[in-house]
Amino acid sequence: MRAMGVDTTRDGVHEDLVFALPAPPASTPPDPPGTVCVGVMDFHGSNDERARAGEIHRRYVDGTTRFVRALAEEGRPVRLLTGDELDRSVADAVRDAVDSPLVTVAETASLTDVMKETAAAGAVVATRYHNLICALKTGTPTLALSYSAKSDTLMDRMGLGAYCHPAREMDAGRLLGQFRELERRSAELRRTLAERNAAAARRVEGQFAELSAVLFPSAAHAPTPREVP
């Protein structure tokens, strides 16, 4: 008996609804060098990589620690962000290993909290998808520690496809090189993100209009009330 599949060839692909959320008020970009937000994750690879989960996790944490230490040694303030309560152990491990007053862990209980942190930063390096998307939403130059195709696709769509680093193959030296290039192009990338965010917001509005037409067809075709003289 042949398995029945679902035909998705005509299905639309829409923006993440985070793009419909209000962003923090626009502010003047911080003067370089500025604070760096580093979003960490309790990362062990995918379900298909369970045999290597410990190795992947150690490499990720070690690489992140080396990267953060290098920034702190240059006098850069670093704010560690989490996206799940499981991530807190990684943030604490990185902070304790670097052992610098410049490295702190942010208390982020919502997407709004994450956006406030990333909006105030000079640059962001993020792993979890929604930390990444919040950083991009605020228009802050962002480098992705990518663990899946969805992160790569998002970065490419927002004009930052060149700034992806594989979370599974964390290399602190190479990451630092990519980060320095990101900061060198900061002003240009902020302009790109402003344009891409405006386009994403328009696409979300279109998605909401389509949903309203399907769910509330009578409202969509209702005549506009006339003003009573």
Protein backbone atom coordinates (compact mmCIF):
# COMPACT_ATOMS: atom_id res chain seq x y z
CA MET A 1 0.00 0.00 0.00
CA ARG A 2 1.46 3.34 -1.04
CA ALA A 3 1.77 5.98 1.65
CA MET A 4 -0.37 9.03 1.11
CA GLY A 5 1.48 12.34 1.16
CA VAL A 6 0.35 15.91 1.53
CA ASP A 7 0.79 18.09 -1.52
CA THR A 8 2.48 21.33 -0.40
CA THR A 9 3.59 22.55 -3.82
CA ARG A 10 1.05 25.39 -3.81
CA ASP A 11 1.51 26.36 -0.17
CA GLY A 12 2.94 29.77 0.56
CA VAL A 13 6.00 30.40 2.73
CA HIS A 14 5.52 33.32 5.10
CA GLU A 15 7.61 35.44 7.43
CA ASP A 16 8.06 34.59 11.10
CA LEU A 17 5.46 36.52 13.10
CA VAL A 18 8.25 38.09 15.16
CA PHE A 19 8.45 40.59 12.29
CA ALA A 20 4.96 41.78 13.27
CA LEU A 21 6.07 42.66 16.81
CA PRO A 22 6.96 46.28 17.63
CA ALA A 23 10.69 46.84 17.79
CA PRO A 24 12.27 48.96 20.54
CA PRO A 25 12.41 52.68 19.69
CA ALA A 26 15.15 53.45 17.21
CA SER A 27 18.31 54.80 18.81
CA THR A 28 21.64 56.09 17.60
CA PRO A 29 23.95 53.12 16.92
CA PRO A 30 26.52 52.82 19.71
CA ASP A 31 29.98 54.09 18.91
CA PRO A 32 32.41 51.25 18.26
CA PRO A 33 33.61 49.14 19.89
CA GLY A 34 30.31 48.87 21.82
CA THR A 35 28.74 45.95 23.67
CA VAL A 36 28.52 42.57 21.97
CA CYS A 37 25.50 40.36 22.66
CA VAL A 38 26.32 36.65 22.40
CA GLY A 39 23.30 34.36 22.36
CA VAL A 40 24.19 30.90 23.67
CA MET A 41 22.35 27.59 23.48
CA ASP A 42 22.47 24.23 25.25
CA PHE A 43 23.52 22.79 21.90
CA HIS A 44 24.23 19.08 21.39
CA GLY A 45 23.54 18.71 17.67
CA SER A 46 20.52 17.04 16.10
CA ASN A 47 18.76 13.79 16.98
CA ASP A 48 20.77 12.10 14.23
CA GLU A 49 23.99 13.07 16.02
CA ARG A 50 23.29 11.60 19.45
CA ALA A 51 26.43 9.47 19.32
CA ARG A 52 28.49 12.68 19.03
CA ALA A 53 26.32 14.88 21.27
CA GLY A 54 28.93 15.25 24.03
CA GLU A 55 31.72 16.09 21.58
CA ILE A 56 29.55 18.63 19.72
CA HIS A 57 28.52 20.28 22.97
CA ARG A 58 32.08 20.55 24.28
CA ARG A 59 33.33 22.04 21.03
CA TYR A 60 30.50 24.56 20.96
CA VAL A 61 31.00 25.69 24.57
CA ASP A 62 34.79 25.79 24.25
CA GLY A 63 34.64 27.81 21.03
CA THR A 64 32.11 30.25 22.48
CA THR A 65 34.26 30.66 25.59
CA ARG A 66 37.38 31.37 23.53
CA PHE A 67 35.49 33.91 21.43
CA VAL A 68 34.05 35.73 24.45
CA ARG A 69 37.43 35.71 26.21
CA ALA A 70 39.07 37.30 23.17
CA LEU A 71 36.48 40.10 23.20
CA ALA A 72 36.86 40.68 26.94
CA GLU A 73 40.65 40.85 26.61
CA GLU A 74 40.14 43.67 24.12
CA GLY A 75 38.02 45.51 26.68
CA ARG A 76 34.69 44.72 25.00
CA PRO A 77 31.62 44.36 27.24
CA VAL A 78 29.77 41.11 26.46
CA ARG A 79 26.14 40.34 27.31
CA LEU A 80 25.29 36.63 27.20
CA LEU A 81 21.71 35.95 26.05
CA THR A 82 19.62 32.81 26.51
CA GLY A 83 16.50 31.64 24.70
CA ASP A 84 15.46 28.79 27.00
CA GLU A 85 16.02 28.03 30.67
CA LEU A 86 18.27 25.13 29.60
CA ASP A 87 20.67 27.66 28.09
CA ARG A 88 21.42 29.28 31.44
CA SER A 89 23.94 26.58 32.36
CA VAL A 90 25.92 27.34 29.19
CA ALA A 91 25.81 31.09 29.82
CA ASP A 92 27.02 30.59 33.40
CA ALA A 93 29.79 28.23 32.27
CA VAL A 94 31.08 30.72 29.70
CA ARG A 95 30.92 33.65 32.15
CA ASP A 96 32.70 31.70 34.89
CA ALA A 97 35.40 30.40 32.55
CA VAL A 98 36.22 33.87 31.18
CA ASP A 99 36.05 35.35 34.70
CA SER A 100 35.86 39.00 33.67
CA PRO A 101 33.61 41.79 35.00
CA LEU A 102 33.02 42.72 31.37
CA VAL A 103 31.03 39.49 30.81
CA THR A 104 27.49 39.43 32.20
CA VAL A 105 24.38 37.30 31.71
CA ALA A 106 21.22 39.16 30.68
CA GLU A 107 17.86 38.31 32.24
CA THR A 108 15.61 37.80 29.21
CA ALA A 109 12.14 36.41 29.92
CA SER A 110 10.51 37.43 26.63
CA LEU A 111 11.20 38.30 23.00
CA THR A 112 10.79 41.96 23.96
CA ASP A 113 13.59 41.58 26.51
CA VAL A 114 15.85 40.03 23.88
CA MET A 115 15.10 42.83 21.42
CA LYS A 116 15.90 45.49 24.03
CA GLU A 117 19.29 43.86 24.63
CA THR A 118 20.16 43.46 20.95
CA ALA A 119 18.95 46.96 20.04
CA ALA A 120 21.42 48.44 22.52
CA ALA A 121 24.35 46.36 21.23
CA GLY A 122 26.94 47.22 18.65
CA ALA A 123 26.81 43.69 17.21
CA VAL A 124 25.24 40.31 17.95
CA VAL A 125 26.40 36.72 17.64
CA ALA A 126 23.44 34.37 18.15
CA THR A 127 22.65 30.66 18.05
CA ARG A 128 18.99 30.08 18.90
CA TYR A 129 16.70 30.95 15.99
CA HIS A 130 14.54 33.40 17.90
CA ASN A 131 17.51 35.19 19.43
CA LEU A 132 18.79 35.51 15.89
CA ILE A 133 15.52 36.80 14.47
CA CYS A 134 15.10 39.29 17.33
CA ALA A 135 18.56 40.70 16.67
CA LEU A 136 17.84 41.08 12.96
CA LYS A 137 14.47 42.66 13.72
CA THR A 138 16.20 45.42 15.71
CA GLY A 139 18.55 46.12 12.79
CA THR A 140 21.74 45.24 14.67
CA PRO A 141 24.56 43.66 12.60
CA THR A 142 24.33 39.96 13.43
CA LEU A 143 26.41 36.83 12.94
CA ALA A 144 24.64 33.47 13.15
CA LEU A 145 26.07 30.41 14.87
CA SER A 146 23.96 28.30 12.57
CA TYR A 147 22.68 24.83 13.44
CA SER A 148 19.99 24.38 10.76
CA ALA A 149 18.94 25.44 7.28
CA LYS A 150 16.27 27.78 8.70
CA SER A 151 18.98 30.01 10.19
CA ASP A 152 20.96 30.07 6.94
CA THR A 153 17.80 30.88 4.96
CA LEU A 154 16.83 33.70 7.33
CA MET A 155 20.30 35.26 7.20
CA ASP A 156 20.36 35.10 3.42
CA ARG A 157 16.90 36.66 3.19
CA MET A 158 17.98 39.52 5.46
CA GLY A 159 21.10 40.20 3.37
CA LEU A 160 23.62 38.73 5.83
CA GLY A 161 24.14 35.32 4.26
CA ALA A 162 27.92 35.70 4.40
CA TYR A 163 27.84 35.88 8.20
CA CYS A 164 26.96 32.31 9.16
CA HIS A 165 29.28 30.09 11.19
CA PRO A 166 28.49 26.37 11.76
CA ALA A 167 27.66 25.76 15.42
CA ARG A 168 28.78 22.12 15.08
CA GLU A 169 32.23 23.14 13.87
CA MET A 170 32.85 26.11 16.11
CA ASP A 171 36.26 27.64 15.41
CA ALA A 172 36.94 30.67 17.61
CA GLY A 173 39.70 32.03 15.36
CA ARG A 174 37.60 31.87 12.21
CA LEU A 175 34.59 33.24 14.06
CA LEU A 176 36.63 36.23 15.22
CA GLY A 177 37.64 36.90 11.64
CA GLN A 178 34.03 36.87 10.47
CA PHE A 179 33.04 39.06 13.41
CA ARG A 180 35.65 41.69 12.60
CA GLU A 181 34.44 41.82 9.00
CA LEU A 182 30.84 42.18 10.25
CA GLU A 183 31.84 45.16 12.42
CA ARG A 184 33.87 46.74 9.64
CA ARG A 185 30.72 46.80 7.49
CA SER A 186 28.43 47.80 10.37
CA ALA A 187 27.00 51.00 8.87
CA GLU A 188 26.32 49.33 5.52
CA LEU A 189 24.69 46.30 7.15
CA ARG A 190 22.42 48.47 9.29
CA ARG A 191 21.10 50.10 6.12
CA THR A 192 20.56 46.68 4.54
CA LEU A 193 18.69 45.43 7.60
CA ALA A 194 16.46 48.52 7.66
CA GLU A 195 15.42 47.83 4.06
CA ARG A 196 14.91 44.08 4.60
CA ASN A 197 12.92 44.65 7.81
CA ALA A 198 10.57 47.04 6.02
CA ALA A 199 10.03 44.44 3.29
CA ALA A 200 9.43 41.68 5.86
CA ALA A 201 6.85 43.83 7.68
CA ARG A 202 4.99 44.35 4.39
CA ARG A 203 4.95 40.61 3.75
CA VAL A 204 3.53 39.96 7.23
CA GLU A 205 0.78 42.51 6.56
CA GLY A 206 -0.02 40.66 3.34
CA GLN A 207 -0.15 37.36 5.22
CA PHE A 208 -2.59 38.82 7.77
CA ALA A 209 -4.76 40.17 4.94
CA GLU A 210 -4.89 36.71 3.31
CA LEU A 211 -5.82 35.06 6.61
CA SER A 212 -8.55 37.63 7.26
CA ALA A 213 -10.02 37.04 3.81
CA VAL A 214 -10.15 33.28 4.42
CA LEU A 215 -11.35 33.35 8.02
CA PHE A 216 -13.68 36.34 7.81
CA PRO A 217 -14.85 36.52 4.18
CA SER A 218 -18.02 38.44 5.00
CA ALA A 219 -16.01 41.21 6.67
CA ALA A 220 -13.66 41.39 3.72
CA HIS A 221 -16.57 42.01 1.30
CA ALA A 222 -18.71 44.12 3.58
CA PRO A 223 -19.49 47.60 2.22
CA THR A 224 -17.72 50.50 3.84
CA PRO A 225 -20.13 52.25 6.23
CA ARG A 226 -21.28 55.63 4.96
CA GLU A 227 -20.86 58.63 7.15
CA VAL A 228 -24.21 59.78 8.53
CA PRO A 229 -24.84 63.41 7.64
